[in-house]
PDB file of N, CA and C in Angstrom:
ATOM      1  N   MET A   1       0.976  -1.251  -0.083  1.00  0.00           N
ATOM      2  CA  MET A   1      -0.087  -0.110   0.064  1.00  0.00           C
ATOM      3  C   MET A   1       0.905   1.258  -0.041  1.00  0.00           C
ATOM      4  N   LEU A   2       1.806   1.466   1.003  1.00  0.00           N
ATOM      5  CA  LEU A   2       2.643   2.434   0.923  1.00  0.00           C
ATOM      6  C   LEU A   2       3.992   1.926   1.197  1.00  0.00           C
ATOM      7  N   SER A   3       5.032   2.777   0.728  1.00  0.00           N
ATOM      8  CA  SER A   3       6.520   2.539   0.844  1.00  0.00           C
ATOM      9  C   SER A   3       7.262   3.590   1.714  1.00  0.00           C
ATOM     10  N   GLU A   4       8.262   2.985   2.497  1.00  0.00           N
ATOM     11  CA  GLU A   4       8.919   4.037   3.173  1.00  0.00           C
ATOM     12  C   GLU A   4       9.273   5.211   2.607  1.00  0.00           C
ATOM     13  N   GLU A   5       9.724   5.220   1.508  1.00  0.00           N
ATOM     14  CA  GLU A   5      10.192   6.395   0.846  1.00  0.00           C
ATOM     15  C   GLU A   5       8.936   7.447   0.517  1.00  0.00           C
ATOM     16  N   LYS A   6       7.777   6.924   0.191  1.00  0.00           N
ATOM     17  CA  LYS A   6       6.635   7.852  -0.171  1.00  0.00           C
ATOM     18  C   LYS A   6       6.268   8.370   1.130  1.00  0.00           C
ATOM     19  N   VAL A   7       6.378   7.672   2.349  1.00  0.00           N
ATOM     20  CA  VAL A   7       5.933   8.138   3.571  1.00  0.00           C
ATOM     21  C   VAL A   7       6.982   9.082   4.020  1.00  0.00           C
ATOM     22  N   LYS A   8       8.206   9.176   3.984  1.00  0.00           N
ATOM     23  CA  LYS A   8       9.278  10.007   3.968  1.00  0.00           C
ATOM     24  C   LYS A   8       8.891  11.339   3.428  1.00  0.00           C
ATOM     25  N   GLY A   9       8.544  11.006   2.036  1.00  0.00           N
ATOM     26  CA  GLY A   9       8.385  12.318   1.279  1.00  0.00           C
ATOM     27  C   GLY A   9       7.064  13.132   1.698  1.00  0.00           C
ATOM     28  N   LEU A  10       6.332  12.664   2.421  1.00  0.00           N
ATOM     29  CA  LEU A  10       5.124  13.455   3.157  1.00  0.00           C
ATOM     30  C   LEU A  10       5.736  14.607   4.174  1.00  0.00           C
ATOM     31  N   LEU A  11       6.790  14.364   4.553  1.00  0.00           N
ATOM     32  CA  LEU A  11       7.343  15.268   5.611  1.00  0.00           C
ATOM     33  C   LEU A  11       8.577  15.631   5.034  1.00  0.00           C
ATOM     34  N   PRO A  12       8.858  16.507   4.038  1.00  0.00           N
ATOM     35  CA  PRO A  12       9.997  16.790   3.520  1.00  0.00           C
ATOM     36  C   PRO A  12      11.234  17.598   4.595  1.00  0.00           C
ATOM     37  N   ARG A  13      12.404  17.438   4.069  1.00  0.00           N
ATOM     38  CA  ARG A  13      13.471  17.936   4.873  1.00  0.00           C
ATOM     39  C   ARG A  13      13.435  19.319   5.100  1.00  0.00           C
ATOM     40  N   GLU A  14      12.933  20.178   4.075  1.00  0.00           N
ATOM     41  CA  GLU A  14      12.866  21.500   4.142  1.00  0.00           C
ATOM     42  C   GLU A  14      11.741  22.154   5.204  1.00  0.00           C
ATOM     43  N   GLN A  15      10.685  21.214   5.288  1.00  0.00           N
ATOM     44  CA  GLN A  15       9.712  21.609   6.387  1.00  0.00           C
ATOM     45  C   GLN A  15      10.382  21.025   7.628  1.00  0.00           C
ATOM     46  N   ILE A  16      11.085  20.191   7.832  1.00  0.00           N
ATOM     47  CA  ILE A  16      11.735  19.618   9.060  1.00  0.00           C
ATOM     48  C   ILE A  16      12.688  20.825   9.672  1.00  0.00           C
ATOM     49  N   GLU A  17      13.397  21.270   8.425  1.00  0.00           N
ATOM     50  CA  GLU A  17      14.382  22.318   8.710  1.00  0.00           C
ATOM     51  C   GLU A  17      13.562  23.605   9.310  1.00  0.00           C
ATOM     52  N   ALA A  18      12.308  24.126   8.712  1.00  0.00           N
ATOM     53  CA  ALA A  18      11.896  25.087   8.926  1.00  0.00           C
ATOM     54  C   ALA A  18      11.284  25.008  10.557  1.00  0.00           C
ATOM     55  N   PHE A  19      10.859  23.810  10.738  1.00  0.00           N
ATOM     56  CA  PHE A  19      10.450  23.487  12.279  1.00  0.00           C
ATOM     57  C   PHE A  19      11.506  23.718  13.116  1.00  0.00           C
ATOM     58  N   PHE A  20      12.689  23.168  12.946  1.00  0.00           N
ATOM     59  CA  PHE A  20      13.970  23.481  13.611  1.00  0.00           C
ATOM     60  C   PHE A  20      14.285  24.926  13.945  1.00  0.00           C
ATOM     61  N   GLU A  21      14.093  25.693  12.919  1.00  0.00           N
ATOM     62  CA  GLU A  21      14.552  27.096  12.935  1.00  0.00           C
ATOM     63  C   GLU A  21      13.621  27.763  13.662  1.00  0.00           C
ATOM     64  N   ALA A  22      12.322  27.645  13.641  1.00  0.00           N
ATOM     65  CA  ALA A  22      11.254  28.197  14.205  1.00  0.00           C
ATOM     66  C   ALA A  22      11.087  27.738  15.799  1.00  0.00           C
ATOM     67  N   PHE A  23      11.406  26.613  15.997  1.00  0.00           N
ATOM     68  CA  PHE A  23      11.165  26.062  17.378  1.00  0.00           C
ATOM     69  C   PHE A  23      12.455  26.303  18.359  1.00  0.00           C
ATOM     70  N   TYR A  24      13.603  26.148  17.508  1.00  0.00           N
ATOM     71  CA  TYR A  24      14.986  26.091  18.329  1.00  0.00           C
ATOM     72  C   TYR A  24      15.641  27.368  18.200  1.00  0.00           C
ATOM     73  N   PHE A  25      15.029  28.448  17.321  1.00  0.00           N
ATOM     74  CA  PHE A  25      15.633  29.766  17.137  1.00  0.00           C
ATOM     75  C   PHE A  25      17.077  29.821  16.843  1.00  0.00           C
ATOM     76  N   GLY A  26      17.235  28.714  15.747  1.00  0.00           N
ATOM     77  CA  GLY A  26      18.559  28.721  15.276  1.00  0.00           C
ATOM     78  C   GLY A  26      19.553  27.787  15.901  1.00  0.00           C
ATOM     79  N   GLU A  27      19.327  27.452  17.256  1.00  0.00           N
ATOM     80  CA  GLU A  27      20.099  26.647  17.826  1.00  0.00           C
ATOM     81  C   GLU A  27      19.985  25.077  17.329  1.00  0.00           C
ATOM     82  N   GLU A  28      21.135  24.310  17.516  1.00  0.00           N
ATOM     83  CA  GLU A  28      21.106  22.978  16.952  1.00  0.00           C
ATOM     84  C   GLU A  28      20.477  22.220  17.795  1.00  0.00           C
ATOM     85  N   PRO A  29      19.313  21.414  17.251  1.00  0.00           N
ATOM     86  CA  PRO A  29      18.792  20.314  18.085  1.00  0.00           C
ATOM     87  C   PRO A  29      19.632  19.009  18.523  1.00  0.00           C
ATOM     88  N   ALA A  30      19.218  18.399  19.510  1.00  0.00           N
ATOM     89  CA  ALA A  30      19.992  17.339  19.729  1.00  0.00           C
ATOM     90  C   ALA A  30      19.582  15.938  19.021  1.00  0.00           C
ATOM     91  N   TYR A  31      18.671  16.358  17.921  1.00  0.00           N
ATOM     92  CA  TYR A  31      18.054  15.093  17.324  1.00  0.00           C
ATOM     93  C   TYR A  31      17.949  15.336  15.796  1.00  0.00           C
ATOM     94  N   ASP A  32      18.101  14.553  14.843  1.00  0.00           N
ATOM     95  CA  ASP A  32      17.250  14.550  13.648  1.00  0.00           C
ATOM     96  C   ASP A  32      16.019  13.963  13.643  1.00  0.00           C
ATOM     97  N   LEU A  33      15.152  14.540  12.655  1.00  0.00           N
ATOM     98  CA  LEU A  33      13.739  13.914  13.024  1.00  0.00           C
ATOM     99  C   LEU A  33      13.226  13.599  11.146  1.00  0.00           C
ATOM    100  N   GLU A  34      12.443  12.533  11.110  1.00  0.00           N
ATOM    101  CA  GLU A  34      11.983  11.972   9.864  1.00  0.00           C
ATOM    102  C   GLU A  34      10.621  11.333  10.228  1.00  0.00           C
ATOM    103  N   LEU A  35       9.852  11.196   9.342  1.00  0.00           N
ATOM    104  CA  LEU A  35       8.682  10.472   9.179  1.00  0.00           C
ATOM    105  C   LEU A  35       9.097   9.093   8.602  1.00  0.00           C
ATOM    106  N   GLY A  36       8.659   8.099   9.184  1.00  0.00           N
ATOM    107  CA  GLY A  36       8.569   6.847   8.694  1.00  0.00           C
ATOM    108  C   GLY A  36       7.513   5.890   8.684  1.00  0.00           C
ATOM    109  N   LEU A  37       7.491   4.647   8.138  1.00  0.00           N
ATOM    110  CA  LEU A  37       6.264   3.940   7.986  1.00  0.00           C
ATOM    111  C   LEU A  37       6.404   3.039   9.114  1.00  0.00           C
ATOM    112  N   GLY A  38       5.394   2.729   9.906  1.00  0.00           N
ATOM    113  CA  GLY A  38       5.112   2.005  11.367  1.00  0.00           C
ATOM    114  C   GLY A  38       4.527   0.700  10.351  1.00  0.00           C
ATOM    115  N   VAL A  39       3.394   0.423  11.076  1.00  0.00           N
ATOM    116  CA  VAL A  39       2.490  -0.968  10.703  1.00  0.00           C
ATOM    117  C   VAL A  39       1.103  -0.592  10.479  1.00  0.00           C
ATOM    118  N   PHE A  40       0.407  -1.438   9.843  1.00  0.00           N
ATOM    119  CA  PHE A  40      -0.971  -1.202   9.396  1.00  0.00           C
ATOM    120  C   PHE A  40      -1.781  -2.213  10.194  1.00  0.00           C
ATOM    121  N   ASP A  41      -2.715  -1.909  10.930  1.00  0.00           N
ATOM    122  CA  ASP A  41      -3.656  -2.876  11.638  1.00  0.00           C
ATOM    123  C   ASP A  41      -4.982  -3.079  10.970  1.00  0.00           C
ATOM    124  N   PRO A  42      -5.076  -3.963  10.071  1.00  0.00           N
ATOM    125  CA  PRO A  42      -6.227  -4.179   9.138  1.00  0.00           C
ATOM    126  C   PRO A  42      -7.743  -4.291   9.740  1.00  0.00           C
ATOM    127  N   GLU A  43      -7.559  -4.827  11.023  1.00  0.00           N
ATOM    128  CA  GLU A  43      -8.808  -5.239  11.961  1.00  0.00           C
ATOM    129  C   GLU A  43      -9.275  -3.896  12.473  1.00  0.00           C
ATOM    130  N   ARG A  44      -8.573  -2.979  12.936  1.00  0.00           N
ATOM    131  CA  ARG A  44      -8.825  -1.694  13.706  1.00  0.00           C
ATOM    132  C   ARG A  44      -8.845  -0.670  12.631  1.00  0.00           C
ATOM    133  N   LYS A  45      -8.208  -0.650  11.450  1.00  0.00           N
ATOM    134  CA  LYS A  45      -7.907   0.297  10.320  1.00  0.00           C
ATOM    135  C   LYS A  45      -7.337   1.450  10.951  1.00  0.00           C
ATOM    136  N   ILE A  46      -6.186   1.130  11.625  1.00  0.00           N
ATOM    137  CA  ILE A  46      -5.167   2.052  11.709  1.00  0.00           C
ATOM    138  C   ILE A  46      -3.932   1.751  11.265  1.00  0.00           C
ATOM    139  N   LEU A  47      -3.411   2.973  10.819  1.00  0.00           N
ATOM    140  CA  LEU A  47      -2.064   3.053  10.163  1.00  0.00           C
ATOM    141  C   LEU A  47      -1.087   3.819  11.136  1.00  0.00           C
ATOM    142  N   ARG A  48       0.031   3.102  11.425  1.00  0.00           N
ATOM    143  CA  ARG A  48       0.854   3.811  12.248  1.00  0.00           C
ATOM    144  C   ARG A  48       2.091   4.599  11.498  1.00  0.00           C
ATOM    145  N   LEU A  49       2.381   5.692  11.680  1.00  0.00           N
ATOM    146  CA  LEU A  49       3.477   6.207  11.095  1.00  0.00           C
ATOM    147  C   LEU A  49       4.352   6.626  12.083  1.00  0.00           C
ATOM    148  N   GLU A  50       5.478   6.985  11.887  1.00  0.00           N
ATOM    149  CA  GLU A  50       6.218   7.307  13.197  1.00  0.00           C
ATOM    150  C   GLU A  50       7.103   8.442  12.918  1.00  0.00           C
ATOM    151  N   LEU A  51       7.222   9.334  13.808  1.00  0.00           N
ATOM    152  CA  LEU A  51       8.195  10.505  13.773  1.00  0.00           C
ATOM    153  C   LEU A  51       9.345   9.903  14.591  1.00  0.00           C
ATOM    154  N   ARG A  52      10.415   9.810  13.729  1.00  0.00           N
ATOM    155  CA  ARG A  52      11.630   9.347  14.293  1.00  0.00           C
ATOM    156  C   ARG A  52      12.590  10.151  15.100  1.00  0.00           C
ATOM    157  N   LEU A  53      13.114  10.362  16.126  1.00  0.00           N
ATOM    158  CA  LEU A  53      13.925  11.292  16.508  1.00  0.00           C
ATOM    159  C   LEU A  53      15.176  10.695  16.691  1.00  0.00           C
ATOM    160  N   LYS A  54      16.139  10.813  15.996  1.00  0.00           N
ATOM    161  CA  LYS A  54      17.471  10.245  16.249  1.00  0.00           C
ATOM    162  C   LYS A  54      18.559  11.088  16.605  1.00  0.00           C
ATOM    163  N   ALA A  55      19.308  10.867  17.733  1.00  0.00           N
ATOM    164  CA  ALA A  55      20.061  11.689  18.419  1.00  0.00           C
ATOM    165  C   ALA A  55      21.317  11.907  17.335  1.00  0.00           C
ATOM    166  N   ARG A  56      21.817  13.172  17.289  1.00  0.00           N
ATOM    167  CA  ARG A  56      22.819  13.555  16.380  1.00  0.00           C
ATOM    168  C   ARG A  56      24.088  13.216  17.211  1.00  0.00           C
ATOM    169  N   PRO A  57      25.182  12.864  16.404  1.00  0.00           N
ATOM    170  CA  PRO A  57      26.628  12.613  16.935  1.00  0.00           C
ATOM    171  C   PRO A  57      26.919  13.464  18.164  1.00  0.00           C
ATOM    172  N   GLY A  58      27.239  12.839  19.459  1.00  0.00           N
ATOM    173  CA  GLY A  58      27.889  13.469  20.181  1.00  0.00           C
ATOM    174  C   GLY A  58      26.544  14.201  21.125  1.00  0.00           C
ATOM    175  N   ARG A  59      25.481  13.881  21.001  1.00  0.00           N
ATOM    176  CA  ARG A  59      24.237  14.567  21.492  1.00  0.00           C
ATOM    177  C   ARG A  59      23.506  13.423  22.494  1.00  0.00           C
ATOM    178  N   CYS A  60      22.615  13.827  23.266  1.00  0.00           N
ATOM    179  CA  CYS A  60      21.776  12.756  23.888  1.00  0.00           C
ATOM    180  C   CYS A  60      20.395  13.114  24.017  1.00  0.00           C
ATOM    181  N   LEU A  61      19.369  11.867  23.760  1.00  0.00           N
ATOM    182  CA  LEU A  61      18.159  12.044  23.780  1.00  0.00           C
ATOM    183  C   LEU A  61      17.728  11.876  25.085  1.00  0.00           C
ATOM    184  N   ALA A  62      17.380  12.599  25.931  1.00  0.00           N
ATOM    185  CA  ALA A  62      16.998  12.554  27.216  1.00  0.00           C
ATOM    186  C   ALA A  62      15.372  12.463  27.249  1.00  0.00           C
ATOM    187  N   CYS A  63      14.851  11.759  27.935  1.00  0.00           N
ATOM    188  CA  CYS A  63      13.440  11.664  27.870  1.00  0.00           C
ATOM    189  C   CYS A  63      12.894  12.785  28.266  1.00  0.00           C
ATOM    190  N   ASN A  64      13.328  13.659  29.021  1.00  0.00           N
ATOM    191  CA  ASN A  64      12.809  14.806  29.662  1.00  0.00           C
ATOM    192  C   ASN A  64      12.698  16.042  28.178  1.00  0.00           C
ATOM    193  N   LEU A  65      13.791  15.642  27.536  1.00  0.00           N
ATOM    194  CA  LEU A  65      13.884  16.488  26.099  1.00  0.00           C
ATOM    195  C   LEU A  65      12.709  16.038  24.987  1.00  0.00           C
ATOM    196  N   THR A  66      12.289  14.852  25.122  1.00  0.00           N
ATOM    197  CA  THR A  66      11.293  14.209  24.020  1.00  0.00           C
ATOM    198  C   THR A  66       9.948  14.241  24.415  1.00  0.00           C
ATOM    199  N   TRP A  67       9.522  13.759  25.910  1.00  0.00           N
ATOM    200  CA  TRP A  67       8.435  13.383  26.092  1.00  0.00           C
ATOM    201  C   TRP A  67       7.331  14.568  25.887  1.00  0.00           C
ATOM    202  N   GLY A  68       7.461  15.622  25.926  1.00  0.00           N
ATOM    203  CA  GLY A  68       6.684  16.824  25.500  1.00  0.00           C
ATOM    204  C   GLY A  68       6.434  17.211  24.177  1.00  0.00           C
ATOM    205  N   LEU A  69       7.230  16.533  23.233  1.00  0.00           N
ATOM    206  CA  LEU A  69       7.177  16.786  22.017  1.00  0.00           C
ATOM    207  C   LEU A  69       6.168  16.683  21.241  1.00  0.00           C
ATOM    208  N   PRO A  70       5.259  15.557  21.551  1.00  0.00           N
ATOM    209  CA  PRO A  70       3.965  15.213  20.893  1.00  0.00           C
ATOM    210  C   PRO A  70       3.232  16.466  20.639  1.00  0.00           C
ATOM    211  N   GLU A  71       2.770  16.989  21.809  1.00  0.00           N
ATOM    212  CA  GLU A  71       2.032  18.235  21.540  1.00  0.00           C
ATOM    213  C   GLU A  71       2.377  19.361  20.981  1.00  0.00           C
ATOM    214  N   VAL A  72       3.881  19.498  20.713  1.00  0.00           N
ATOM    215  CA  VAL A  72       4.569  20.425  20.350  1.00  0.00           C
ATOM    216  C   VAL A  72       4.412  20.242  18.776  1.00  0.00           C
ATOM    217  N   PHE A  73       4.568  18.875  18.375  1.00  0.00           N
ATOM    218  CA  PHE A  73       4.510  18.454  16.952  1.00  0.00           C
ATOM    219  C   PHE A  73       3.014  18.543  16.421  1.00  0.00           C
ATOM    220  N   LYS A  74       2.192  18.361  17.332  1.00  0.00           N
ATOM    221  CA  LYS A  74       0.809  18.281  16.733  1.00  0.00           C
ATOM    222  C   LYS A  74       0.023  19.624  16.397  1.00  0.00           C
ATOM    223  N   ARG A  75       0.685  20.692  17.307  1.00  0.00           N
ATOM    224  CA  ARG A  75       0.352  22.108  16.933  1.00  0.00           C
ATOM    225  C   ARG A  75       1.345  23.128  16.121  1.00  0.00           C
ATOM    226  N   HIS A  76       2.453  22.536  15.941  1.00  0.00           N
ATOM    227  CA  HIS A  76       3.363  23.543  15.302  1.00  0.00           C
ATOM    228  C   HIS A  76       3.073  23.743  13.692  1.00  0.00           C
ATOM    229  N   PRO A  77       2.841  24.881  13.401  1.00  0.00           N
ATOM    230  CA  PRO A  77       2.303  25.116  11.896  1.00  0.00           C
ATOM    231  C   PRO A  77       3.487  24.805  10.894  1.00  0.00           C
ATOM    232  N   ALA A  78       4.963  24.789  11.372  1.00  0.00           N
ATOM    233  CA  ALA A  78       5.851  24.575  10.560  1.00  0.00           C
ATOM    234  C   ALA A  78       5.814  23.002  10.084  1.00  0.00           C
ATOM    235  N   LEU A  79       5.492  22.209  11.049  1.00  0.00           N
ATOM    236  CA  LEU A  79       5.509  20.608  10.730  1.00  0.00           C
ATOM    237  C   LEU A  79       4.230  20.545   9.896  1.00  0.00           C
ATOM    238  N   ASN A  80       3.001  21.179  10.371  1.00  0.00           N
ATOM    239  CA  ASN A  80       1.797  20.820   9.745  1.00  0.00           C
ATOM    240  C   ASN A  80       1.529  19.349   9.531  1.00  0.00           C
ATOM    241  N   LEU A  81       1.322  18.792  10.584  1.00  0.00           N
ATOM    242  CA  LEU A  81       0.768  17.397  10.537  1.00  0.00           C
ATOM    243  C   LEU A  81      -0.413  17.099   9.607  1.00  0.00           C
ATOM    244  N   ALA A  82      -1.347  17.933  10.023  1.00  0.00           N
ATOM    245  CA  ALA A  82      -2.629  17.893   9.320  1.00  0.00           C
ATOM    246  C   ALA A  82      -2.386  17.888   7.800  1.00  0.00           C
ATOM    247  N   GLY A  83      -1.666  18.644   7.122  1.00  0.00           N
ATOM    248  CA  GLY A  83      -1.186  18.840   5.884  1.00  0.00           C
ATOM    249  C   GLY A  83      -0.601  17.498   5.560  1.00  0.00           C
ATOM    250  N   VAL A  84       0.247  16.851   6.382  1.00  0.00           N
ATOM    251  CA  VAL A  84       0.944  15.574   6.201  1.00  0.00           C
ATOM    252  C   VAL A  84      -0.035  14.574   5.908  1.00  0.00           C
ATOM    253  N   VAL A  85      -1.010  14.420   6.745  1.00  0.00           N
ATOM    254  CA  VAL A  85      -2.012  13.371   6.633  1.00  0.00           C
ATOM    255  C   VAL A  85      -3.040  13.696   5.524  1.00  0.00           C
ATOM    256  N   SER A  86      -3.085  14.704   5.309  1.00  0.00           N
ATOM    257  CA  SER A  86      -3.913  15.121   4.142  1.00  0.00           C
ATOM    258  C   SER A  86      -3.097  14.658   2.793  1.00  0.00           C
ATOM    259  N   ARG A  87      -1.958  14.646   2.832  1.00  0.00           N
ATOM    260  CA  ARG A  87      -1.258  14.218   1.526  1.00  0.00           C
ATOM    261  C   ARG A  87      -1.169  12.799   1.522  1.00  0.00           C
ATOM    262  N   LEU A  88      -1.049  12.079   2.765  1.00  0.00           N
ATOM    263  CA  LEU A  88      -1.014  10.844   2.780  1.00  0.00           C
ATOM    264  C   LEU A  88      -2.282  10.151   2.485  1.00  0.00           C
ATOM    265  N   GLU A  89      -3.429  10.879   2.666  1.00  0.00           N
ATOM    266  CA  GLU A  89      -4.729  10.364   2.122  1.00  0.00           C
ATOM    267  C   GLU A  89      -4.896  10.176   0.439  1.00  0.00           C
ATOM    268  N   ALA A  90      -4.199  11.300  -0.138  1.00  0.00           N
ATOM    269  CA  ALA A  90      -4.030  11.049  -1.449  1.00  0.00           C
ATOM    270  C   ALA A  90      -3.190   9.760  -1.925  1.00  0.00           C
ATOM    271  N   LEU A  91      -2.313   8.904  -1.116  1.00  0.00           N
ATOM    272  CA  LEU A  91      -1.570   7.975  -1.549  1.00  0.00           C
ATOM    273  C   LEU A  91      -2.357   6.604  -1.240  1.00  0.00           C
ATOM    274  N   LEU A  92      -3.582   6.666  -0.469  1.00  0.00           N
ATOM    275  CA  LEU A  92      -4.083   5.487  -0.015  1.00  0.00           C
ATOM    276  C   LEU A  92      -4.940   4.961  -1.134  1.00  0.00           C
ATOM    277  N   PRO A  93      -5.129   3.459  -1.210  1.00  0.00           N
ATOM    278  CA  PRO A  93      -5.779   2.956  -2.223  1.00  0.00           C
ATOM    279  C   PRO A  93      -7.247   3.459  -2.326  1.00  0.00           C
ATOM    280  N   GLU A  94      -7.902   3.218  -3.327  1.00  0.00           N
ATOM    281  CA  GLU A  94      -9.228   3.972  -3.654  1.00  0.00           C
ATOM    282  C   GLU A  94     -10.075   3.148  -2.657  1.00  0.00           C
ATOM    283  N   GLY A  95     -11.090   3.669  -2.094  1.00  0.00           N
ATOM    284  CA  GLY A  95     -11.980   3.189  -1.184  1.00  0.00           C
ATOM    285  C   GLY A  95     -11.573   3.601   0.162  1.00  0.00           C
ATOM    286  N   LEU A  96     -10.524   4.035   0.725  1.00  0.00           N
ATOM    287  CA  LEU A  96      -9.928   4.423   1.977  1.00  0.00           C
ATOM    288  C   LEU A  96      -9.614   5.755   2.071  1.00  0.00           C
ATOM    289  N   LYS A  97     -10.197   6.399   3.337  1.00  0.00           N
ATOM    290  CA  LYS A  97     -10.097   7.606   3.575  1.00  0.00           C
ATOM    291  C   LYS A  97      -9.680   7.814   5.033  1.00  0.00           C
ATOM    292  N   VAL A  98      -9.016   8.911   5.429  1.00  0.00           N
ATOM    293  CA  VAL A  98      -8.513   9.264   6.623  1.00  0.00           C
ATOM    294  C   VAL A  98      -9.827   9.815   7.279  1.00  0.00           C
ATOM    295  N   ALA A  99     -10.070   8.958   8.537  1.00  0.00           N
ATOM    296  CA  ALA A  99     -11.234   9.469   9.581  1.00  0.00           C
ATOM    297  C   ALA A  99     -10.656  10.281  10.637  1.00  0.00           C
ATOM    298  N   GLY A 100      -9.456  10.288  10.812  1.00  0.00           N
ATOM    299  CA  GLY A 100      -8.767  11.117  12.029  1.00  0.00           C
ATOM    300  C   GLY A 100      -7.432  10.764  12.261  1.00  0.00           C
ATOM    301  N   TRP A 101      -6.729  11.573  13.132  1.00  0.00           N
ATOM    302  CA  TRP A 101      -5.349  11.185  13.431  1.00  0.00           C
ATOM    303  C   TRP A 101      -4.804  11.805  14.741  1.00  0.00           C
ATOM    304  N   ASP A 102      -4.190  11.266  15.548  1.00  0.00           N
ATOM    305  CA  ASP A 102      -3.345  11.799  16.745  1.00  0.00           C
ATOM    306  C   ASP A 102      -2.092  11.402  16.909  1.00  0.00           C
ATOM    307  N   LEU A 103      -1.343  11.935  17.774  1.00  0.00           N
ATOM    308  CA  LEU A 103      -0.021  11.476  18.203  1.00  0.00           C
ATOM    309  C   LEU A 103      -0.018  10.793  19.666  1.00  0.00           C
ATOM    310  N   GLY A 104       0.705   9.521  19.602  1.00  0.00           N
ATOM    311  CA  GLY A 104       0.731   8.866  20.833  1.00  0.00           C
ATOM    312  C   GLY A 104       1.885   9.513  21.719  1.00  0.00           C
ATOM    313  N   PRO A 105       2.196   8.937  22.991  1.00  0.00           N
ATOM    314  CA  PRO A 105       3.431   9.349  23.533  1.00  0.00           C
ATOM    315  C   PRO A 105       4.532   8.975  23.024  1.00  0.00           C
ATOM    316  N   THR A 106       5.618   9.715  23.445  1.00  0.00           N
ATOM    317  CA  THR A 106       6.958   9.327  23.245  1.00  0.00           C
ATOM    318  C   THR A 106       7.457   7.776  23.497  1.00  0.00           C
ATOM    319  N   GLU A 107       8.001   7.188  22.538  1.00  0.00           N
ATOM    320  CA  GLU A 107       8.471   5.793  22.856  1.00  0.00           C
ATOM    321  C   GLU A 107      10.050   5.691  22.678  1.00  0.00           C
ATOM    322  N   GLU A 108      10.580   5.244  23.816  1.00  0.00           N
ATOM    323  CA  GLU A 108      11.968   5.115  23.797  1.00  0.00           C
ATOM    324  C   GLU A 108      12.509   3.951  23.270  1.00  0.00           C
ATOM    325  N   VAL A 109      12.974   3.722  22.252  1.00  0.00           N
ATOM    326  CA  VAL A 109      13.365   2.560  21.553  1.00  0.00           C
ATOM    327  C   VAL A 109      14.670   2.260  22.212  1.00  0.00           C
ATOM    328  N   GLY A 110      15.409   3.152  22.224  1.00  0.00           N
ATOM    329  CA  GLY A 110      16.938   3.204  22.729  1.00  0.00           C
ATOM    330  C   GLY A 110      17.523   4.558  23.163  1.00  0.00           C
ATOM    331  N   GLU A 111      18.730   4.499  23.319  1.00  0.00           N
ATOM    332  CA  GLU A 111      19.328   5.906  23.770  1.00  0.00           C
ATOM    333  C   GLU A 111      19.531   6.773  22.690  1.00  0.00           C
ATOM    334  N   ASP A 112      19.422   6.268  21.462  1.00  0.00           N
ATOM    335  CA  ASP A 112      19.608   7.072  20.320  1.00  0.00           C
ATOM    336  C   ASP A 112      18.475   7.242  19.280  1.00  0.00           C
ATOM    337  N   LEU A 113      17.323   6.461  19.910  1.00  0.00           N
ATOM    338  CA  LEU A 113      16.042   6.565  18.872  1.00  0.00           C
ATOM    339  C   LEU A 113      15.010   6.593  19.928  1.00  0.00           C
ATOM    340  N   HIS A 114      14.093   7.631  19.752  1.00  0.00           N
ATOM    341  CA  HIS A 114      12.869   7.938  20.134  1.00  0.00           C
ATOM    342  C   HIS A 114      11.577   8.043  19.146  1.00  0.00           C
ATOM    343  N   ILE A 115      10.619   7.517  19.283  1.00  0.00           N
ATOM    344  CA  ILE A 115       9.560   7.555  18.572  1.00  0.00           C
ATOM    345  C   ILE A 115       8.353   8.183  19.027  1.00  0.00           C
ATOM    346  N   VAL A 116       7.615   9.210  18.099  1.00  0.00           N
ATOM    347  CA  VAL A 116       6.289   9.492  18.411  1.00  0.00           C
ATOM    348  C   VAL A 116       5.504   9.075  17.521  1.00  0.00           C
ATOM    349  N   PRO A 117       4.608   8.135  17.794  1.00  0.00           N
ATOM    350  CA  PRO A 117       3.515   7.494  16.827  1.00  0.00           C
ATOM    351  C   PRO A 117       2.676   8.478  16.357  1.00  0.00           C
ATOM    352  N   LEU A 118       2.297   8.497  14.854  1.00  0.00           N
ATOM    353  CA  LEU A 118       1.359   9.297  14.528  1.00  0.00           C
ATOM    354  C   LEU A 118       0.319   8.049  14.005  1.00  0.00           C
ATOM    355  N   MET A 119      -0.861   8.168  14.633  1.00  0.00           N
ATOM    356  CA  MET A 119      -1.765   7.126  14.477  1.00  0.00           C
ATOM    357  C   MET A 119      -2.833   7.628  13.554  1.00  0.00           C
ATOM    358  N   VAL A 120      -3.135   6.933  12.514  1.00  0.00           N
ATOM    359  CA  VAL A 120      -4.060   7.630  11.436  1.00  0.00           C
ATOM    360  C   VAL A 120      -5.333   6.470  11.236  1.00  0.00           C
ATOM    361  N   ARG A 121      -6.534   7.010  11.889  1.00  0.00           N
ATOM    362  CA  ARG A 121      -7.710   6.102  11.543  1.00  0.00           C
ATOM    363  C   ARG A 121      -8.221   6.186  10.284  1.00  0.00           C
ATOM    364  N   LEU A 122      -8.562   4.938   9.770  1.00  0.00           N
ATOM    365  CA  LEU A 122      -9.059   4.970   8.351  1.00  0.00           C
ATOM    366  C   LEU A 122     -10.262   4.516   8.260  1.00  0.00           C
ATOM    367  N   ALA A 123     -11.308   4.799   7.232  1.00  0.00           N
ATOM    368  CA  ALA A 123     -12.340   4.379   7.176  1.00  0.00           C
ATOM    369  C   ALA A 123     -12.702   3.804   5.561  1.00  0.00           C
TER     370      ALA A 123
END
């Protein structure tokens, strides 16, 4: 249905850099950010995308740094996640539509990788 590359293209690098510039006021963040493909639950019709925060070399991804980011990501106009989900809908197979979306809490996968799940409900 979707590929990792198509999903990454929904949140282009320029948009991420605009977010970093606006949110961190020119300071270098401790992480790189990318959108990735998670899993699809066909029974519940939920597509999980992942906002992946990867620690930059020599930097630390502390939980206190990333736990509040879902609310920031959800509302920040530079990231425009509503627009990302709208572009996603155009990639869905015929007959599927986006019924809604939300961000889950930050998940600590490891010291160098935290994930904010972007849960998309389909109808």
